[in-house]
Amino acid sequence: MGAKLGGGGGGRFDLGQNSDINVTPFVDVMLVLLIIFMVAIPPATAAIKLDLPPAIPPPPGTKVKEPVLINIQAGGGVFIGERPTSLPTLPADLSKVLSADDPTLPPTQQRVYIRADKQVRYADFMSVMNTLQGNGFYQVALINEEI
């Protein structure tokens, strides 16, 4: 980028003054930083175990069972489907609904879906999750609705 404007006063082998930017140290530092970030980033990623359903649709004519849905409202109301319940009675009410829905499996082995309103406090949501897990309901799925 620089240009030599003057005639120089040096000898035949004089290189003169070089006004170009030496980018070699800059490139070396950037490559070292790139290698450091490439090595440091993979351990920072967390592995999340997902229990995804198979991508095979049910055969035609098969009636799909409606899932058991727990709704959490912003005012603190908890519903199993359309039926109101409270946090202390949630495990017993959920066991009744799940036993009536599928008597072949124990209630704690069946999947439960949770949907919460947008304004629900995180503490209220986690109290429902902790109540379910404390009573053996580990097959919990979350429902997300696009806004």
C-alpha atoms as a PDB file:
ATOM      1  CA  MET A   1       0.000   0.000   0.000  1.00  0.00           C
ATOM      2  CA  GLY A   2       2.883   2.361   0.600  1.00  0.00           C
ATOM      3  CA  ALA A   3       4.887   3.881  -2.189  1.00  0.00           C
ATOM      4  CA  LYS A   4       8.472   5.012  -2.355  1.00  0.00           C
ATOM      5  CA  LEU A   5       8.444   8.599  -3.517  1.00  0.00           C
ATOM      6  CA  GLY A   6      11.993   9.773  -3.162  1.00  0.00           C
ATOM      7  CA  GLY A   7      15.164   8.714  -4.792  1.00  0.00           C
ATOM      8  CA  GLY A   8      16.840   7.337  -1.787  1.00  0.00           C
ATOM      9  CA  GLY A   9      20.405   8.215  -0.937  1.00  0.00           C
ATOM     10  CA  GLY A  10      21.459   4.786  -0.042  1.00  0.00           C
ATOM     11  CA  GLY A  11      23.720   2.414  -1.788  1.00  0.00           C
ATOM     12  CA  ARG A  12      22.981  -0.119  -4.403  1.00  0.00           C
ATOM     13  CA  PHE A  13      21.720  -2.771  -1.999  1.00  0.00           C
ATOM     14  CA  ASP A  14      19.940  -0.440   0.385  1.00  0.00           C
ATOM     15  CA  LEU A  15      16.327  -1.478   0.930  1.00  0.00           C
ATOM     16  CA  GLY A  16      15.225   1.897   2.118  1.00  0.00           C
ATOM     17  CA  GLN A  17      12.324   2.531   4.405  1.00  0.00           C
ATOM     18  CA  ASN A  18       9.408   0.135   4.108  1.00  0.00           C
ATOM     19  CA  SER A  19       6.030   1.656   4.926  1.00  0.00           C
ATOM     20  CA  ASP A  20       4.001  -1.538   4.325  1.00  0.00           C
ATOM     21  CA  ILE A  21       2.204  -3.087   7.257  1.00  0.00           C
ATOM     22  CA  ASN A  22       3.689  -6.389   8.313  1.00  0.00           C
ATOM     23  CA  VAL A  23       0.665  -8.696   8.688  1.00  0.00           C
ATOM     24  CA  THR A  24       2.595 -11.863   9.480  1.00  0.00           C
ATOM     25  CA  PRO A  25       2.492 -11.433  13.297  1.00  0.00           C
ATOM     26  CA  PHE A  26      -1.202 -10.518  13.074  1.00  0.00           C
ATOM     27  CA  VAL A  27      -1.971 -13.685  11.092  1.00  0.00           C
ATOM     28  CA  ASP A  28       0.058 -15.774  13.537  1.00  0.00           C
ATOM     29  CA  VAL A  29      -1.847 -14.395  16.516  1.00  0.00           C
ATOM     30  CA  MET A  30      -5.206 -14.926  14.786  1.00  0.00           C
ATOM     31  CA  LEU A  31      -4.354 -18.541  13.933  1.00  0.00           C
ATOM     32  CA  VAL A  32      -3.325 -19.229  17.525  1.00  0.00           C
ATOM     33  CA  LEU A  33      -6.587 -17.706  18.779  1.00  0.00           C
ATOM     34  CA  LEU A  34      -8.551 -19.750  16.255  1.00  0.00           C
ATOM     35  CA  ILE A  35      -6.928 -22.962  17.464  1.00  0.00           C
ATOM     36  CA  ILE A  36      -7.553 -22.036  21.106  1.00  0.00           C
ATOM     37  CA  PHE A  37     -11.248 -21.383  20.432  1.00  0.00           C
ATOM     38  CA  MET A  38     -11.614 -24.560  18.380  1.00  0.00           C
ATOM     39  CA  VAL A  39     -10.182 -26.598  21.245  1.00  0.00           C
ATOM     40  CA  ALA A  40     -12.079 -24.800  24.018  1.00  0.00           C
ATOM     41  CA  ILE A  41     -15.593 -24.719  22.516  1.00  0.00           C
ATOM     42  CA  PRO A  42     -16.517 -28.454  22.246  1.00  0.00           C
ATOM     43  CA  PRO A  43     -16.269 -29.195  25.997  1.00  0.00           C
ATOM     44  CA  ALA A  44     -18.498 -26.197  26.683  1.00  0.00           C
ATOM     45  CA  THR A  45     -21.431 -27.716  24.806  1.00  0.00           C
ATOM     46  CA  ALA A  46     -23.801 -29.651  27.031  1.00  0.00           C
ATOM     47  CA  ALA A  47     -25.343 -32.913  25.942  1.00  0.00           C
ATOM     48  CA  ILE A  48     -29.078 -33.146  26.485  1.00  0.00           C
ATOM     49  CA  LYS A  49     -30.655 -36.573  26.417  1.00  0.00           C
ATOM     50  CA  LEU A  50     -33.828 -36.501  24.351  1.00  0.00           C
ATOM     51  CA  ASP A  51     -36.436 -39.203  24.206  1.00  0.00           C
ATOM     52  CA  LEU A  52     -37.759 -38.589  20.701  1.00  0.00           C
ATOM     53  CA  PRO A  53     -40.628 -40.645  19.333  1.00  0.00           C
ATOM     54  CA  PRO A  54     -40.039 -42.669  16.190  1.00  0.00           C
ATOM     55  CA  ALA A  55     -40.738 -40.949  12.893  1.00  0.00           C
ATOM     56  CA  ILE A  56     -43.024 -43.762  11.712  1.00  0.00           C
ATOM     57  CA  PRO A  57     -46.670 -42.650  11.497  1.00  0.00           C
ATOM     58  CA  PRO A  58     -49.366 -44.965  12.847  1.00  0.00           C
ATOM     59  CA  PRO A  59     -51.125 -47.231  10.360  1.00  0.00           C
ATOM     60  CA  PRO A  60     -54.189 -45.745   8.637  1.00  0.00           C
ATOM     61  CA  GLY A  61     -57.410 -46.244  10.512  1.00  0.00           C
ATOM     62  CA  THR A  62     -55.716 -46.397  13.911  1.00  0.00           C
ATOM     63  CA  LYS A  63     -57.319 -44.129  16.476  1.00  0.00           C
ATOM     64  CA  VAL A  64     -54.645 -42.009  18.113  1.00  0.00           C
ATOM     65  CA  LYS A  65     -55.010 -41.713  21.878  1.00  0.00           C
ATOM     66  CA  GLU A  66     -55.379 -38.148  23.154  1.00  0.00           C
ATOM     67  CA  PRO A  67     -52.539 -37.232  25.521  1.00  0.00           C
ATOM     68  CA  VAL A  68     -53.073 -36.310  29.138  1.00  0.00           C
ATOM     69  CA  LEU A  69     -52.408 -32.592  29.358  1.00  0.00           C
ATOM     70  CA  ILE A  70     -51.632 -30.502  32.439  1.00  0.00           C
ATOM     71  CA  ASN A  71     -52.408 -26.811  31.915  1.00  0.00           C
ATOM     72  CA  ILE A  72     -50.823 -24.204  34.171  1.00  0.00           C
ATOM     73  CA  GLN A  73     -52.484 -20.795  34.104  1.00  0.00           C
ATOM     74  CA  ALA A  74     -51.007 -17.430  35.023  1.00  0.00           C
ATOM     75  CA  GLY A  75     -53.201 -17.028  38.105  1.00  0.00           C
ATOM     76  CA  GLY A  76     -51.817 -20.243  39.585  1.00  0.00           C
ATOM     77  CA  GLY A  77     -54.600 -22.519  38.412  1.00  0.00           C
ATOM     78  CA  VAL A  78     -53.636 -26.080  37.480  1.00  0.00           C
ATOM     79  CA  PHE A  79     -55.863 -28.199  35.248  1.00  0.00           C
ATOM     80  CA  ILE A  80     -55.695 -31.817  34.108  1.00  0.00           C
ATOM     81  CA  GLY A  81     -57.338 -31.524  30.731  1.00  0.00           C
ATOM     82  CA  GLU A  82     -60.443 -29.446  31.527  1.00  0.00           C
ATOM     83  CA  ARG A  83     -60.688 -30.632  35.148  1.00  0.00           C
ATOM     84  CA  PRO A  84     -59.352 -28.200  37.802  1.00  0.00           C
ATOM     85  CA  THR A  85     -56.956 -29.496  40.436  1.00  0.00           C
ATOM     86  CA  SER A  86     -54.526 -28.097  42.983  1.00  0.00           C
ATOM     87  CA  LEU A  87     -50.854 -28.705  43.556  1.00  0.00           C
ATOM     88  CA  PRO A  88     -51.266 -30.957  46.654  1.00  0.00           C
ATOM     89  CA  THR A  89     -53.882 -33.153  44.939  1.00  0.00           C
ATOM     90  CA  LEU A  90     -52.193 -33.184  41.519  1.00  0.00           C
ATOM     91  CA  PRO A  91     -50.496 -36.631  41.816  1.00  0.00           C
ATOM     92  CA  ALA A  92     -53.659 -38.378  43.024  1.00  0.00           C
ATOM     93  CA  ASP A  93     -55.862 -36.736  40.396  1.00  0.00           C
ATOM     94  CA  LEU A  94     -53.319 -37.461  37.676  1.00  0.00           C
ATOM     95  CA  SER A  95     -53.100 -41.118  38.735  1.00  0.00           C
ATOM     96  CA  LYS A  96     -56.900 -41.432  38.482  1.00  0.00           C
ATOM     97  CA  VAL A  97     -56.974 -39.913  34.999  1.00  0.00           C
ATOM     98  CA  LEU A  98     -54.057 -42.016  33.749  1.00  0.00           C
ATOM     99  CA  SER A  99     -55.468 -45.243  35.223  1.00  0.00           C
ATOM    100  CA  ALA A 100     -58.810 -44.617  33.522  1.00  0.00           C
ATOM    101  CA  ASP A 101     -57.070 -43.711  30.249  1.00  0.00           C
ATOM    102  CA  ASP A 102     -54.797 -46.781  30.015  1.00  0.00           C
ATOM    103  CA  PRO A 103     -55.235 -49.429  32.754  1.00  0.00           C
ATOM    104  CA  THR A 104     -52.491 -51.675  31.314  1.00  0.00           C
ATOM    105  CA  LEU A 105     -49.612 -49.385  32.330  1.00  0.00           C
ATOM    106  CA  PRO A 106     -48.947 -47.989  35.798  1.00  0.00           C
ATOM    107  CA  PRO A 107     -49.645 -44.245  35.934  1.00  0.00           C
ATOM    108  CA  THR A 108     -46.005 -43.346  36.596  1.00  0.00           C
ATOM    109  CA  GLN A 109     -44.941 -45.109  33.367  1.00  0.00           C
ATOM    110  CA  GLN A 110     -47.243 -43.049  31.131  1.00  0.00           C
ATOM    111  CA  ARG A 111     -46.329 -39.805  29.404  1.00  0.00           C
ATOM    112  CA  VAL A 112     -47.790 -36.536  30.679  1.00  0.00           C
ATOM    113  CA  TYR A 113     -47.755 -33.265  28.707  1.00  0.00           C
ATOM    114  CA  ILE A 114     -47.418 -29.875  30.372  1.00  0.00           C
ATOM    115  CA  ARG A 115     -48.478 -26.587  28.827  1.00  0.00           C
ATOM    116  CA  ALA A 116     -48.087 -23.264  30.627  1.00  0.00           C
ATOM    117  CA  ASP A 117     -49.346 -19.794  29.789  1.00  0.00           C
ATOM    118  CA  LYS A 118     -46.866 -17.162  28.730  1.00  0.00           C
ATOM    119  CA  GLN A 119     -47.259 -15.201  31.970  1.00  0.00           C
ATOM    120  CA  VAL A 120     -46.733 -18.166  34.332  1.00  0.00           C
ATOM    121  CA  ARG A 121     -43.919 -17.571  36.763  1.00  0.00           C
ATOM    122  CA  TYR A 122     -40.994 -19.954  36.538  1.00  0.00           C
ATOM    123  CA  ALA A 123     -41.354 -20.868  40.224  1.00  0.00           C
ATOM    124  CA  ASP A 124     -44.968 -21.965  39.666  1.00  0.00           C
ATOM    125  CA  PHE A 125     -43.966 -24.095  36.684  1.00  0.00           C
ATOM    126  CA  MET A 126     -41.083 -25.702  38.574  1.00  0.00           C
ATOM    127  CA  SER A 127     -43.296 -26.452  41.581  1.00  0.00           C
ATOM    128  CA  VAL A 128     -45.569 -28.492  39.290  1.00  0.00           C
ATOM    129  CA  MET A 129     -42.535 -30.254  37.769  1.00  0.00           C
ATOM    130  CA  ASN A 130     -41.042 -30.990  41.214  1.00  0.00           C
ATOM    131  CA  THR A 131     -44.380 -32.327  42.485  1.00  0.00           C
ATOM    132  CA  LEU A 132     -44.622 -34.668  39.499  1.00  0.00           C
ATOM    133  CA  GLN A 133     -41.039 -35.896  39.789  1.00  0.00           C
ATOM    134  CA  GLY A 134     -41.325 -36.267  43.571  1.00  0.00           C
ATOM    135  CA  ASN A 135     -44.231 -38.659  43.035  1.00  0.00           C
ATOM    136  CA  GLY A 136     -42.521 -40.749  40.349  1.00  0.00           C
ATOM    137  CA  PHE A 137     -43.861 -39.146  37.162  1.00  0.00           C
ATOM    138  CA  TYR A 138     -40.680 -38.941  35.049  1.00  0.00           C
ATOM    139  CA  GLN A 139     -42.248 -39.236  31.579  1.00  0.00           C
ATOM    140  CA  VAL A 140     -42.976 -35.512  31.264  1.00  0.00           C
ATOM    141  CA  ALA A 141     -43.085 -33.668  27.953  1.00  0.00           C
ATOM    142  CA  LEU A 142     -43.361 -29.918  27.437  1.00  0.00           C
ATOM    143  CA  ILE A 143     -45.627 -28.292  24.876  1.00  0.00           C
ATOM    144  CA  ASN A 144     -44.420 -25.148  23.161  1.00  0.00           C
ATOM    145  CA  GLU A 145     -46.756 -22.985  21.160  1.00  0.00           C
ATOM    146  CA  GLU A 146     -45.483 -20.460  18.667  1.00  0.00           C
ATOM    147  CA  ILE A 147     -46.518 -16.914  19.347  1.00  0.00           C
END
